[in-house]
Structure formats: structure tokens, C-alpha cells
Amino acid sequence: MQSGIDYYITEEGLLVFTAHYLRERGYCCGNGCLNCPYDYERVPEPKRSLLLQKRVDDAKGKAS
């Protein structure tokens, strides 16, 4: 794994997988990964809907 391509470390010290890494893995694990390229398809409701809405809200905030 390569830093910046497959993962990055947050200011809080958390390891976060990139969408590139998750796409290469080939499936949604159902854990609600921050950069999930599969629209959280295996995450159970209501968490899935909340994560999708947060993604939309975050995108709107960046567009402003």
C-alpha cells in the first residue's frame, strides 16, 4: 500500500482508505467507509441513508 494513493492519515491519526484502494478491493464491506465508491450498498439502513445524505451535504458545502 502507498500513502496518498491507497490511504492517508487524518490529523487525528486515523488511517483512511482512499476511493482508489476501495475500488481496487472490489466490493463494499458494509462498514461505512468515508470514501466508499459503492454508495454504501452493504451498509444497513438507516445508517446508509444518513451517510449518503452527508455525502450530498458535504458536496454542496464545497461547491459554495
PDB file of N, CA and C in Angstrom:
ATOM      1  N   MET A   1       0.839  -1.176   0.000  1.00  0.00           N
ATOM      2  CA  MET A   1       0.000   0.000   0.000  1.00  0.00           C
ATOM      3  C   MET A   1       0.887   1.243   0.000  1.00  0.00           C
ATOM      4  N   GLN A   2       0.417   2.267  -0.692  1.00  0.00           N
ATOM      5  CA  GLN A   2       1.170   3.506  -0.796  1.00  0.00           C
ATOM      6  C   GLN A   2       0.392   4.662  -0.183  1.00  0.00           C
ATOM      7  N   SER A   3       1.066   5.409   0.673  1.00  0.00           N
ATOM      8  CA  SER A   3       0.465   6.577   1.289  1.00  0.00           C
ATOM      9  C   SER A   3       0.094   7.592   0.215  1.00  0.00           C
ATOM     10  N   GLY A   4      -1.087   8.182   0.333  1.00  0.00           N
ATOM     11  CA  GLY A   4      -1.552   9.161  -0.638  1.00  0.00           C
ATOM     12  C   GLY A   4      -2.266   8.548  -1.821  1.00  0.00           C
ATOM     13  N   ILE A   5      -2.037   7.288  -2.077  1.00  0.00           N
ATOM     14  CA  ILE A   5      -2.722   6.594  -3.178  1.00  0.00           C
ATOM     15  C   ILE A   5      -3.756   5.628  -2.620  1.00  0.00           C
ATOM     16  N   ASP A   6      -3.354   4.816  -1.671  1.00  0.00           N
ATOM     17  CA  ASP A   6      -4.244   3.816  -1.092  1.00  0.00           C
ATOM     18  C   ASP A   6      -4.843   4.255   0.239  1.00  0.00           C
ATOM     19  N   TYR A   7      -4.187   5.169   0.926  1.00  0.00           N
ATOM     20  CA  TYR A   7      -4.673   5.618   2.231  1.00  0.00           C
ATOM     21  C   TYR A   7      -4.049   6.960   2.574  1.00  0.00           C
ATOM     22  N   TYR A   8      -4.605   7.604   3.591  1.00  0.00           N
ATOM     23  CA  TYR A   8      -3.998   8.798   4.167  1.00  0.00           C
ATOM     24  C   TYR A   8      -4.281   8.784   5.658  1.00  0.00           C
ATOM     25  N   ILE A   9      -3.520   9.566   6.386  1.00  0.00           N
ATOM     26  CA  ILE A   9      -3.664   9.664   7.836  1.00  0.00           C
ATOM     27  C   ILE A   9      -4.287  11.025   8.150  1.00  0.00           C
ATOM     28  N   THR A  10      -5.368  11.024   8.929  1.00  0.00           N
ATOM     29  CA  THR A  10      -6.014  12.277   9.308  1.00  0.00           C
ATOM     30  C   THR A  10      -5.219  12.977  10.397  1.00  0.00           C
ATOM     31  N   GLU A  11      -5.589  14.228  10.684  1.00  0.00           N
ATOM     32  CA  GLU A  11      -4.936  14.973  11.760  1.00  0.00           C
ATOM     33  C   GLU A  11      -5.127  14.288  13.110  1.00  0.00           C
ATOM     34  N   GLU A  12      -6.222  13.519  13.224  1.00  0.00           N
ATOM     35  CA  GLU A  12      -6.487  12.790  14.466  1.00  0.00           C
ATOM     36  C   GLU A  12      -5.697  11.489  14.553  1.00  0.00           C
ATOM     37  N   GLY A  13      -4.956  11.162  13.490  1.00  0.00           N
ATOM     38  CA  GLY A  13      -4.143   9.955  13.480  1.00  0.00           C
ATOM     39  C   GLY A  13      -4.852   8.720  12.952  1.00  0.00           C
ATOM     40  N   LEU A  14      -6.013   8.910  12.330  1.00  0.00           N
ATOM     41  CA  LEU A  14      -6.759   7.773  11.792  1.00  0.00           C
ATOM     42  C   LEU A  14      -6.321   7.450  10.372  1.00  0.00           C
ATOM     43  N   LEU A  15      -6.225   6.169  10.054  1.00  0.00           N
ATOM     44  CA  LEU A  15      -5.918   5.730   8.706  1.00  0.00           C
ATOM     45  C   LEU A  15      -7.228   5.654   7.932  1.00  0.00           C
ATOM     46  N   VAL A  16      -7.287   6.312   6.768  1.00  0.00           N
ATOM     47  CA  VAL A  16      -8.489   6.338   5.935  1.00  0.00           C
ATOM     48  C   VAL A  16      -8.121   5.810   4.558  1.00  0.00           C
ATOM     49  N   PHE A  17      -8.836   4.777   4.112  1.00  0.00           N
ATOM     50  CA  PHE A  17      -8.602   4.246   2.772  1.00  0.00           C
ATOM     51  C   PHE A  17      -9.188   5.190   1.731  1.00  0.00           C
ATOM     52  N   THR A  18      -8.494   5.326   0.607  1.00  0.00           N
ATOM     53  CA  THR A  18      -8.966   6.173  -0.481  1.00  0.00           C
ATOM     54  C   THR A  18      -9.981   5.405  -1.334  1.00  0.00           C
ATOM     55  N   ALA A  19     -10.739   6.163  -2.143  1.00  0.00           N
ATOM     56  CA  ALA A  19     -11.684   5.524  -3.064  1.00  0.00           C
ATOM     57  C   ALA A  19     -10.928   4.607  -4.028  1.00  0.00           C
ATOM     58  N   HIS A  20      -9.720   4.995  -4.415  1.00  0.00           N
ATOM     59  CA  HIS A  20      -8.905   4.151  -5.300  1.00  0.00           C
ATOM     60  C   HIS A  20      -8.679   2.773  -4.687  1.00  0.00           C
ATOM     61  N   TYR A  21      -8.243   2.757  -3.433  1.00  0.00           N
ATOM     62  CA  TYR A  21      -7.993   1.485  -2.751  1.00  0.00           C
ATOM     63  C   TYR A  21      -9.282   0.658  -2.634  1.00  0.00           C
ATOM     64  N   LEU A  22     -10.364   1.321  -2.228  1.00  0.00           N
ATOM     65  CA  LEU A  22     -11.628   0.613  -2.032  1.00  0.00           C
ATOM     66  C   LEU A  22     -12.176   0.069  -3.352  1.00  0.00           C
ATOM     67  N   ARG A  23     -12.011   0.831  -4.431  1.00  0.00           N
ATOM     68  CA  ARG A  23     -12.444   0.367  -5.753  1.00  0.00           C
ATOM     69  C   ARG A  23     -11.627  -0.849  -6.183  1.00  0.00           C
ATOM     70  N   GLU A  24     -10.321  -0.798  -5.935  1.00  0.00           N
ATOM     71  CA  GLU A  24      -9.447  -1.925  -6.274  1.00  0.00           C
ATOM     72  C   GLU A  24      -9.814  -3.172  -5.466  1.00  0.00           C
ATOM     73  N   ARG A  25     -10.284  -2.977  -4.228  1.00  0.00           N
ATOM     74  CA  ARG A  25     -10.699  -4.110  -3.402  1.00  0.00           C
ATOM     75  C   ARG A  25     -11.879  -4.820  -4.047  1.00  0.00           C
ATOM     76  N   GLY A  26     -12.793  -4.038  -4.648  1.00  0.00           N
ATOM     77  CA  GLY A  26     -13.823  -4.641  -5.479  1.00  0.00           C
ATOM     78  C   GLY A  26     -15.208  -4.796  -4.877  1.00  0.00           C
ATOM     79  N   TYR A  27     -15.430  -4.380  -3.639  1.00  0.00           N
ATOM     80  CA  TYR A  27     -16.759  -4.535  -3.044  1.00  0.00           C
ATOM     81  C   TYR A  27     -16.908  -3.609  -1.843  1.00  0.00           C
ATOM     82  N   CYS A  28     -18.162  -3.340  -1.484  1.00  0.00           N
ATOM     83  CA  CYS A  28     -18.464  -2.574  -0.276  1.00  0.00           C
ATOM     84  C   CYS A  28     -18.429  -3.535   0.909  1.00  0.00           C
ATOM     85  N   CYS A  29     -17.689  -3.167   1.944  1.00  0.00           N
ATOM     86  CA  CYS A  29     -17.556  -4.035   3.117  1.00  0.00           C
ATOM     87  C   CYS A  29     -18.702  -3.846   4.113  1.00  0.00           C
ATOM     88  N   GLY A  30     -19.472  -2.759   3.967  1.00  0.00           N
ATOM     89  CA  GLY A  30     -20.601  -2.525   4.858  1.00  0.00           C
ATOM     90  C   GLY A  30     -20.263  -1.756   6.118  1.00  0.00           C
ATOM     91  N   ASN A  31     -19.030  -1.249   6.226  1.00  0.00           N
ATOM     92  CA  ASN A  31     -18.623  -0.520   7.420  1.00  0.00           C
ATOM     93  C   ASN A  31     -18.851   0.987   7.334  1.00  0.00           C
ATOM     94  N   GLY A  32     -19.263   1.478   6.183  1.00  0.00           N
ATOM     95  CA  GLY A  32     -19.498   2.910   6.033  1.00  0.00           C
ATOM     96  C   GLY A  32     -18.223   3.694   5.840  1.00  0.00           C
ATOM     97  N   CYS A  33     -17.297   3.167   5.087  1.00  0.00           N
ATOM     98  CA  CYS A  33     -16.019   3.835   4.834  1.00  0.00           C
ATOM     99  C   CYS A  33     -16.247   5.224   4.239  1.00  0.00           C
ATOM    100  N   LEU A  34     -15.472   6.193   4.694  1.00  0.00           N
ATOM    101  CA  LEU A  34     -15.619   7.581   4.289  1.00  0.00           C
ATOM    102  C   LEU A  34     -15.613   7.752   2.774  1.00  0.00           C
ATOM    103  N   ASN A  35     -14.745   7.068   2.078  1.00  0.00           N
ATOM    104  CA  ASN A  35     -14.577   7.234   0.635  1.00  0.00           C
ATOM    105  C   ASN A  35     -15.163   6.089  -0.181  1.00  0.00           C
ATOM    106  N   CYS A  36     -16.178   5.417   0.336  1.00  0.00           N
ATOM    107  CA  CYS A  36     -16.768   4.253  -0.339  1.00  0.00           C
ATOM    108  C   CYS A  36     -17.247   4.618  -1.744  1.00  0.00           C
ATOM    109  N   PRO A  37     -16.700   3.971  -2.784  1.00  0.00           N
ATOM    110  CA  PRO A  37     -17.143   4.256  -4.147  1.00  0.00           C
ATOM    111  C   PRO A  37     -18.390   3.465  -4.545  1.00  0.00           C
ATOM    112  N   TYR A  38     -18.930   2.673  -3.638  1.00  0.00           N
ATOM    113  CA  TYR A  38     -20.072   1.803  -3.927  1.00  0.00           C
ATOM    114  C   TYR A  38     -21.381   2.313  -3.316  1.00  0.00           C
ATOM    115  N   ASP A  39     -21.418   3.597  -2.950  1.00  0.00           N
ATOM    116  CA  ASP A  39     -22.618   4.196  -2.351  1.00  0.00           C
ATOM    117  C   ASP A  39     -23.140   3.386  -1.172  1.00  0.00           C
ATOM    118  N   TYR A  40     -22.224   2.834  -0.405  1.00  0.00           N
ATOM    119  CA  TYR A  40     -22.566   2.150   0.851  1.00  0.00           C
ATOM    120  C   TYR A  40     -23.595   1.034   0.659  1.00  0.00           C
ATOM    121  N   GLU A  41     -23.511   0.309  -0.453  1.00  0.00           N
ATOM    122  CA  GLU A  41     -24.551  -0.666  -0.802  1.00  0.00           C
ATOM    123  C   GLU A  41     -24.772  -1.766   0.233  1.00  0.00           C
ATOM    124  N   ARG A  42     -23.773  -2.088   1.038  1.00  0.00           N
ATOM    125  CA  ARG A  42     -23.947  -3.145   2.048  1.00  0.00           C
ATOM    126  C   ARG A  42     -24.134  -2.611   3.460  1.00  0.00           C
ATOM    127  N   VAL A  43     -24.207  -1.293   3.603  1.00  0.00           N
ATOM    128  CA  VAL A  43     -24.414  -0.682   4.920  1.00  0.00           C
ATOM    129  C   VAL A  43     -25.910  -0.744   5.231  1.00  0.00           C
ATOM    130  N   PRO A  44     -26.279  -1.255   6.394  1.00  0.00           N
ATOM    131  CA  PRO A  44     -27.707  -1.368   6.726  1.00  0.00           C
ATOM    132  C   PRO A  44     -28.349   0.007   6.972  1.00  0.00           C
ATOM    133  N   GLU A  45     -29.638   0.065   6.690  1.00  0.00           N
ATOM    134  CA  GLU A  45     -30.419   1.270   6.987  1.00  0.00           C
ATOM    135  C   GLU A  45     -30.627   1.360   8.493  1.00  0.00           C
ATOM    136  N   PRO A  46     -30.753   2.509   9.067  1.00  0.00           N
ATOM    137  CA  PRO A  46     -30.810   3.839   8.454  1.00  0.00           C
ATOM    138  C   PRO A  46     -29.438   4.465   8.242  1.00  0.00           C
ATOM    139  N   LYS A  47     -28.366   3.775   8.648  1.00  0.00           N
ATOM    140  CA  LYS A  47     -27.025   4.356   8.534  1.00  0.00           C
ATOM    141  C   LYS A  47     -26.686   4.673   7.077  1.00  0.00           C
ATOM    142  N   ARG A  48     -27.090   3.812   6.142  1.00  0.00           N
ATOM    143  CA  ARG A  48     -26.780   4.039   4.726  1.00  0.00           C
ATOM    144  C   ARG A  48     -27.356   5.365   4.252  1.00  0.00           C
ATOM    145  N   SER A  49     -28.612   5.623   4.548  1.00  0.00           N
ATOM    146  CA  SER A  49     -29.254   6.868   4.118  1.00  0.00           C
ATOM    147  C   SER A  49     -28.579   8.079   4.740  1.00  0.00           C
ATOM    148  N   LEU A  50     -28.187   7.974   5.999  1.00  0.00           N
ATOM    149  CA  LEU A  50     -27.506   9.080   6.669  1.00  0.00           C
ATOM    150  C   LEU A  50     -26.155   9.373   6.018  1.00  0.00           C
ATOM    151  N   LEU A  51     -25.409   8.331   5.683  1.00  0.00           N
ATOM    152  CA  LEU A  51     -24.111   8.512   5.044  1.00  0.00           C
ATOM    153  C   LEU A  51     -24.254   9.127   3.653  1.00  0.00           C
ATOM    154  N   LEU A  52     -25.247   8.672   2.897  1.00  0.00           N
ATOM    155  CA  LEU A  52     -25.476   9.229   1.566  1.00  0.00           C
ATOM    156  C   LEU A  52     -25.881  10.692   1.652  1.00  0.00           C
ATOM    157  N   GLN A  53     -26.723  11.038   2.618  1.00  0.00           N
ATOM    158  CA  GLN A  53     -27.140  12.429   2.777  1.00  0.00           C
ATOM    159  C   GLN A  53     -25.965  13.306   3.195  1.00  0.00           C
ATOM    160  N   LYS A  54     -25.107  12.790   4.065  1.00  0.00           N
ATOM    161  CA  LYS A  54     -23.921  13.548   4.484  1.00  0.00           C
ATOM    162  C   LYS A  54     -23.017  13.810   3.287  1.00  0.00           C
ATOM    163  N   ARG A  55     -22.878  12.842   2.411  1.00  0.00           N
ATOM    164  CA  ARG A  55     -22.049  13.000   1.209  1.00  0.00           C
ATOM    165  C   ARG A  55     -22.610  14.119   0.327  1.00  0.00           C
ATOM    166  N   VAL A  56     -23.930  14.153   0.163  1.00  0.00           N
ATOM    167  CA  VAL A  56     -24.578  15.197  -0.638  1.00  0.00           C
ATOM    168  C   VAL A  56     -24.376  16.558   0.034  1.00  0.00           C
ATOM    169  N   ASP A  57     -24.603  16.623   1.334  1.00  0.00           N
ATOM    170  CA  ASP A  57     -24.449  17.876   2.070  1.00  0.00           C
ATOM    171  C   ASP A  57     -23.004  18.391   1.990  1.00  0.00           C
ATOM    172  N   ASP A  58     -22.028  17.497   2.128  1.00  0.00           N
ATOM    173  CA  ASP A  58     -20.618  17.881   2.054  1.00  0.00           C
ATOM    174  C   ASP A  58     -20.282  18.411   0.665  1.00  0.00           C
ATOM    175  N   ALA A  59     -20.828  17.784  -0.372  1.00  0.00           N
ATOM    176  CA  ALA A  59     -20.569  18.231  -1.745  1.00  0.00           C
ATOM    177  C   ALA A  59     -21.167  19.621  -1.983  1.00  0.00           C
ATOM    178  N   LYS A  60     -22.335  19.875  -1.428  1.00  0.00           N
ATOM    179  CA  LYS A  60     -22.959  21.195  -1.557  1.00  0.00           C
ATOM    180  C   LYS A  60     -22.128  22.251  -0.851  1.00  0.00           C
ATOM    181  N   GLY A  61     -21.583  21.905   0.301  1.00  0.00           N
ATOM    182  CA  GLY A  61     -20.746  22.835   1.055  1.00  0.00           C
ATOM    183  C   GLY A  61     -19.475  23.198   0.332  1.00  0.00           C
ATOM    184  N   LYS A  62     -18.887  22.264  -0.376  1.00  0.00           N
ATOM    185  CA  LYS A  62     -17.653  22.519  -1.118  1.00  0.00           C
ATOM    186  C   LYS A  62     -17.921  23.331  -2.377  1.00  0.00           C
ATOM    187  N   ALA A  63     -19.143  23.217  -2.933  1.00  0.00           N
ATOM    188  CA  ALA A  63     -19.497  23.953  -4.143  1.00  0.00           C
ATOM    189  C   ALA A  63     -19.750  25.428  -3.864  1.00  0.00           C
ATOM    190  N   SER A  64     -20.018  25.766  -2.613  1.00  0.00           N
ATOM    191  CA  SER A  64     -20.319  27.170  -2.272  1.00  0.00           C
ATOM    192  C   SER A  64     -19.098  28.048  -2.250  1.00  0.00           C
TER     193      SER A  64
END
